[in-house]
């Protein structure tokens, strides 16, 4: 950590938050906070973590990356 208020300290997390905002939050209007929380949870658990392609994984989804890694390990 380089200091208080330095966005580069947690740039990976900031990038994830920006992606969630751009792909979900800025495009949607919810009537309640509970609706928003549920939608964000479903996005993270149902799309971002298992299915969304990530540049750090060679533009494969985590499921594809893990499947490929398991085939290589066998």
N, C-alpha and C. Protein backbone atom coordinates (compact mmCIF):
# COMPACT_ATOMS: atom_id res chain seq x y z
N UNK A 1 0.84 -1.18 0.00
CA UNK A 1 0.00 0.00 0.00
C UNK A 1 0.89 1.24 0.00
N UNK A 2 0.63 2.11 -0.91
CA UNK A 2 1.47 3.30 -1.01
C UNK A 2 0.92 4.51 -0.28
N UNK A 3 -0.33 4.49 0.06
CA UNK A 3 -0.85 5.62 0.82
C UNK A 3 -2.36 5.75 0.71
N UNK A 4 -2.91 6.52 1.60
CA UNK A 4 -4.35 6.74 1.67
C UNK A 4 -4.85 7.42 0.39
N UNK A 5 -5.93 6.88 -0.16
CA UNK A 5 -6.55 7.49 -1.32
C UNK A 5 -5.87 7.20 -2.64
N UNK A 6 -4.92 6.30 -2.68
CA UNK A 6 -4.23 5.97 -3.92
C UNK A 6 -4.98 4.84 -4.61
N UNK A 7 -5.62 5.14 -5.73
CA UNK A 7 -6.45 4.15 -6.42
C UNK A 7 -5.63 2.99 -6.98
N UNK A 8 -4.34 3.17 -7.16
CA UNK A 8 -3.51 2.10 -7.71
C UNK A 8 -3.24 1.00 -6.69
N UNK A 9 -3.50 1.27 -5.42
CA UNK A 9 -3.31 0.25 -4.40
C UNK A 9 -4.24 -0.94 -4.61
N UNK A 10 -5.42 -0.66 -5.08
CA UNK A 10 -6.39 -1.74 -5.30
C UNK A 10 -6.96 -1.65 -6.71
N UNK A 11 -6.11 -1.50 -7.67
CA UNK A 11 -6.55 -1.31 -9.05
C UNK A 11 -7.33 -2.51 -9.60
N UNK A 12 -6.99 -3.71 -9.17
CA UNK A 12 -7.72 -4.88 -9.64
C UNK A 12 -9.19 -4.82 -9.20
N UNK A 13 -9.41 -4.46 -7.95
CA UNK A 13 -10.78 -4.35 -7.44
C UNK A 13 -11.51 -3.21 -8.13
N UNK A 14 -10.82 -2.10 -8.32
CA UNK A 14 -11.43 -0.96 -9.01
C UNK A 14 -11.85 -1.35 -10.43
N UNK A 15 -11.05 -2.16 -11.09
CA UNK A 15 -11.38 -2.60 -12.44
C UNK A 15 -12.63 -3.49 -12.43
N UNK A 16 -12.75 -4.36 -11.45
CA UNK A 16 -13.94 -5.20 -11.33
C UNK A 16 -15.17 -4.34 -11.08
N UNK A 17 -15.06 -3.37 -10.17
CA UNK A 17 -16.19 -2.49 -9.88
C UNK A 17 -16.60 -1.71 -11.13
N UNK A 18 -15.65 -1.24 -11.90
CA UNK A 18 -15.94 -0.49 -13.13
C UNK A 18 -16.68 -1.38 -14.12
N UNK A 19 -16.26 -2.62 -14.24
CA UNK A 19 -16.91 -3.55 -15.16
C UNK A 19 -18.35 -3.80 -14.74
N UNK A 20 -18.57 -4.03 -13.46
CA UNK A 20 -19.93 -4.26 -12.96
C UNK A 20 -20.80 -3.04 -13.21
N UNK A 21 -20.26 -1.87 -12.96
CA UNK A 21 -21.02 -0.64 -13.20
C UNK A 21 -21.37 -0.49 -14.67
N UNK A 22 -20.38 -0.70 -15.55
CA UNK A 22 -20.61 -0.50 -16.99
C UNK A 22 -21.54 -1.55 -17.59
N UNK A 23 -21.42 -2.79 -17.16
CA UNK A 23 -22.21 -3.87 -17.75
C UNK A 23 -23.57 -4.08 -17.11
N UNK A 24 -23.76 -3.57 -15.90
CA UNK A 24 -25.03 -3.82 -15.21
C UNK A 24 -25.65 -2.57 -14.61
N UNK A 25 -24.95 -1.91 -13.76
CA UNK A 25 -25.55 -0.86 -12.93
C UNK A 25 -25.99 0.34 -13.75
N UNK A 26 -25.14 0.87 -14.61
CA UNK A 26 -25.48 2.07 -15.37
C UNK A 26 -26.56 1.82 -16.41
N UNK A 27 -26.84 0.56 -16.71
CA UNK A 27 -27.83 0.21 -17.73
C UNK A 27 -29.20 -0.12 -17.15
N UNK A 28 -29.32 -0.14 -15.84
CA UNK A 28 -30.52 -0.66 -15.21
C UNK A 28 -31.07 0.32 -14.17
N UNK A 29 -32.38 0.35 -14.05
CA UNK A 29 -33.04 1.14 -13.00
C UNK A 29 -33.83 0.16 -12.15
N UNK A 30 -33.57 0.17 -10.86
CA UNK A 30 -34.29 -0.70 -9.93
C UNK A 30 -35.23 0.14 -9.08
N UNK A 31 -36.29 -0.49 -8.65
CA UNK A 31 -37.26 0.21 -7.80
C UNK A 31 -36.87 0.17 -6.34
N UNK A 32 -36.15 -0.87 -5.94
CA UNK A 32 -35.76 -0.99 -4.53
C UNK A 32 -34.30 -1.37 -4.42
N UNK A 33 -33.77 -1.13 -3.25
CA UNK A 33 -32.38 -1.52 -2.98
C UNK A 33 -32.24 -3.05 -3.03
N UNK A 34 -33.25 -3.76 -2.53
CA UNK A 34 -33.22 -5.22 -2.55
C UNK A 34 -33.13 -5.76 -3.98
N UNK A 35 -33.86 -5.14 -4.91
CA UNK A 35 -33.78 -5.56 -6.31
C UNK A 35 -32.36 -5.37 -6.84
N UNK A 36 -31.77 -4.24 -6.53
CA UNK A 36 -30.41 -3.95 -6.99
C UNK A 36 -29.42 -4.94 -6.39
N UNK A 37 -29.52 -5.18 -5.10
CA UNK A 37 -28.60 -6.12 -4.44
C UNK A 37 -28.73 -7.52 -5.03
N UNK A 38 -29.97 -7.95 -5.27
CA UNK A 38 -30.19 -9.27 -5.86
C UNK A 38 -29.62 -9.37 -7.27
N UNK A 39 -29.83 -8.33 -8.07
CA UNK A 39 -29.32 -8.33 -9.44
C UNK A 39 -27.80 -8.34 -9.46
N UNK A 40 -27.19 -7.58 -8.59
CA UNK A 40 -25.72 -7.54 -8.53
C UNK A 40 -25.18 -8.90 -8.08
N UNK A 41 -25.80 -9.50 -7.08
CA UNK A 41 -25.36 -10.81 -6.61
C UNK A 41 -25.47 -11.85 -7.71
N UNK A 42 -26.61 -11.85 -8.45
CA UNK A 42 -26.79 -12.80 -9.55
C UNK A 42 -25.77 -12.56 -10.66
N UNK A 43 -25.47 -11.29 -10.94
CA UNK A 43 -24.50 -10.96 -11.97
C UNK A 43 -23.12 -11.51 -11.60
N UNK A 44 -22.72 -11.28 -10.37
CA UNK A 44 -21.39 -11.73 -9.93
C UNK A 44 -21.32 -13.25 -9.87
N UNK A 45 -22.28 -13.88 -9.20
CA UNK A 45 -22.24 -15.33 -9.00
C UNK A 45 -22.65 -16.13 -10.24
N UNK A 46 -23.54 -15.56 -11.06
CA UNK A 46 -24.06 -16.30 -12.19
C UNK A 46 -23.43 -15.99 -13.53
N UNK A 47 -22.76 -14.82 -13.64
CA UNK A 47 -22.16 -14.47 -14.91
C UNK A 47 -20.69 -14.08 -14.77
N UNK A 48 -20.39 -13.09 -13.98
CA UNK A 48 -19.03 -12.56 -13.93
C UNK A 48 -18.01 -13.62 -13.51
N UNK A 49 -18.26 -14.29 -12.41
CA UNK A 49 -17.30 -15.28 -11.93
C UNK A 49 -17.23 -16.54 -12.79
N UNK A 50 -18.36 -17.15 -13.21
CA UNK A 50 -18.22 -18.40 -13.96
C UNK A 50 -18.16 -18.26 -15.48
N UNK A 51 -18.82 -17.26 -16.08
CA UNK A 51 -19.01 -17.27 -17.53
C UNK A 51 -18.33 -16.14 -18.30
N UNK A 52 -18.15 -15.00 -17.69
CA UNK A 52 -17.61 -13.85 -18.42
C UNK A 52 -16.16 -14.11 -18.81
N UNK A 53 -15.81 -13.78 -20.03
CA UNK A 53 -14.43 -13.96 -20.49
C UNK A 53 -13.54 -12.91 -19.85
N UNK A 54 -12.38 -13.35 -19.39
CA UNK A 54 -11.44 -12.47 -18.69
C UNK A 54 -10.12 -12.42 -19.46
N UNK A 55 -9.60 -11.23 -19.64
CA UNK A 55 -8.34 -11.08 -20.37
C UNK A 55 -7.20 -11.80 -19.66
N UNK A 56 -7.22 -11.83 -18.34
CA UNK A 56 -6.16 -12.50 -17.58
C UNK A 56 -6.16 -14.01 -17.80
N UNK A 57 -7.26 -14.54 -18.32
CA UNK A 57 -7.36 -15.99 -18.58
C UNK A 57 -7.28 -16.28 -20.07
N UNK A 58 -6.69 -15.38 -20.82
CA UNK A 58 -6.58 -15.58 -22.26
C UNK A 58 -7.92 -15.44 -22.96
N UNK A 59 -8.77 -14.58 -22.44
CA UNK A 59 -10.12 -14.33 -22.97
C UNK A 59 -10.98 -15.60 -22.98
N UNK A 60 -10.77 -16.42 -21.96
CA UNK A 60 -11.63 -17.57 -21.72
C UNK A 60 -12.45 -17.29 -20.47
N UNK A 61 -13.59 -17.94 -20.36
CA UNK A 61 -14.35 -17.84 -19.13
C UNK A 61 -13.63 -18.68 -18.07
N UNK A 62 -13.87 -18.40 -16.81
CA UNK A 62 -13.25 -19.23 -15.77
C UNK A 62 -13.60 -20.71 -15.92
N UNK A 63 -14.82 -21.01 -16.32
CA UNK A 63 -15.20 -22.42 -16.52
C UNK A 63 -14.38 -23.04 -17.64
N UNK A 64 -14.23 -22.32 -18.77
CA UNK A 64 -13.42 -22.83 -19.89
C UNK A 64 -11.97 -22.99 -19.47
N UNK A 65 -11.45 -22.00 -18.76
CA UNK A 65 -10.06 -22.03 -18.33
C UNK A 65 -9.79 -23.23 -17.42
N UNK A 66 -10.67 -23.44 -16.44
CA UNK A 66 -10.50 -24.56 -15.52
C UNK A 66 -10.63 -25.90 -16.24
N UNK A 67 -11.57 -26.00 -17.16
CA UNK A 67 -11.73 -27.23 -17.92
C UNK A 67 -10.48 -27.53 -18.73
N UNK A 68 -9.93 -26.52 -19.38
CA UNK A 68 -8.71 -26.69 -20.17
C UNK A 68 -7.54 -27.08 -19.27
N UNK A 69 -7.45 -26.44 -18.09
CA UNK A 69 -6.36 -26.75 -17.15
C UNK A 69 -6.46 -28.18 -16.64
N UNK A 70 -7.69 -28.64 -16.38
CA UNK A 70 -7.86 -30.02 -15.91
C UNK A 70 -7.49 -31.03 -16.99
N UNK A 71 -7.81 -30.73 -18.24
CA UNK A 71 -7.44 -31.63 -19.33
C UNK A 71 -5.93 -31.71 -19.49
N UNK A 72 -5.26 -30.59 -19.28
CA UNK A 72 -3.80 -30.56 -19.37
C UNK A 72 -3.13 -31.27 -18.23
N UNK A 73 -3.78 -31.32 -17.07
CA UNK A 73 -3.21 -31.96 -15.89
C UNK A 73 -3.41 -33.47 -15.92
N UNK A 74 -4.35 -33.91 -16.71
CA UNK A 74 -4.65 -35.35 -16.72
C UNK A 74 -3.70 -36.14 -17.59
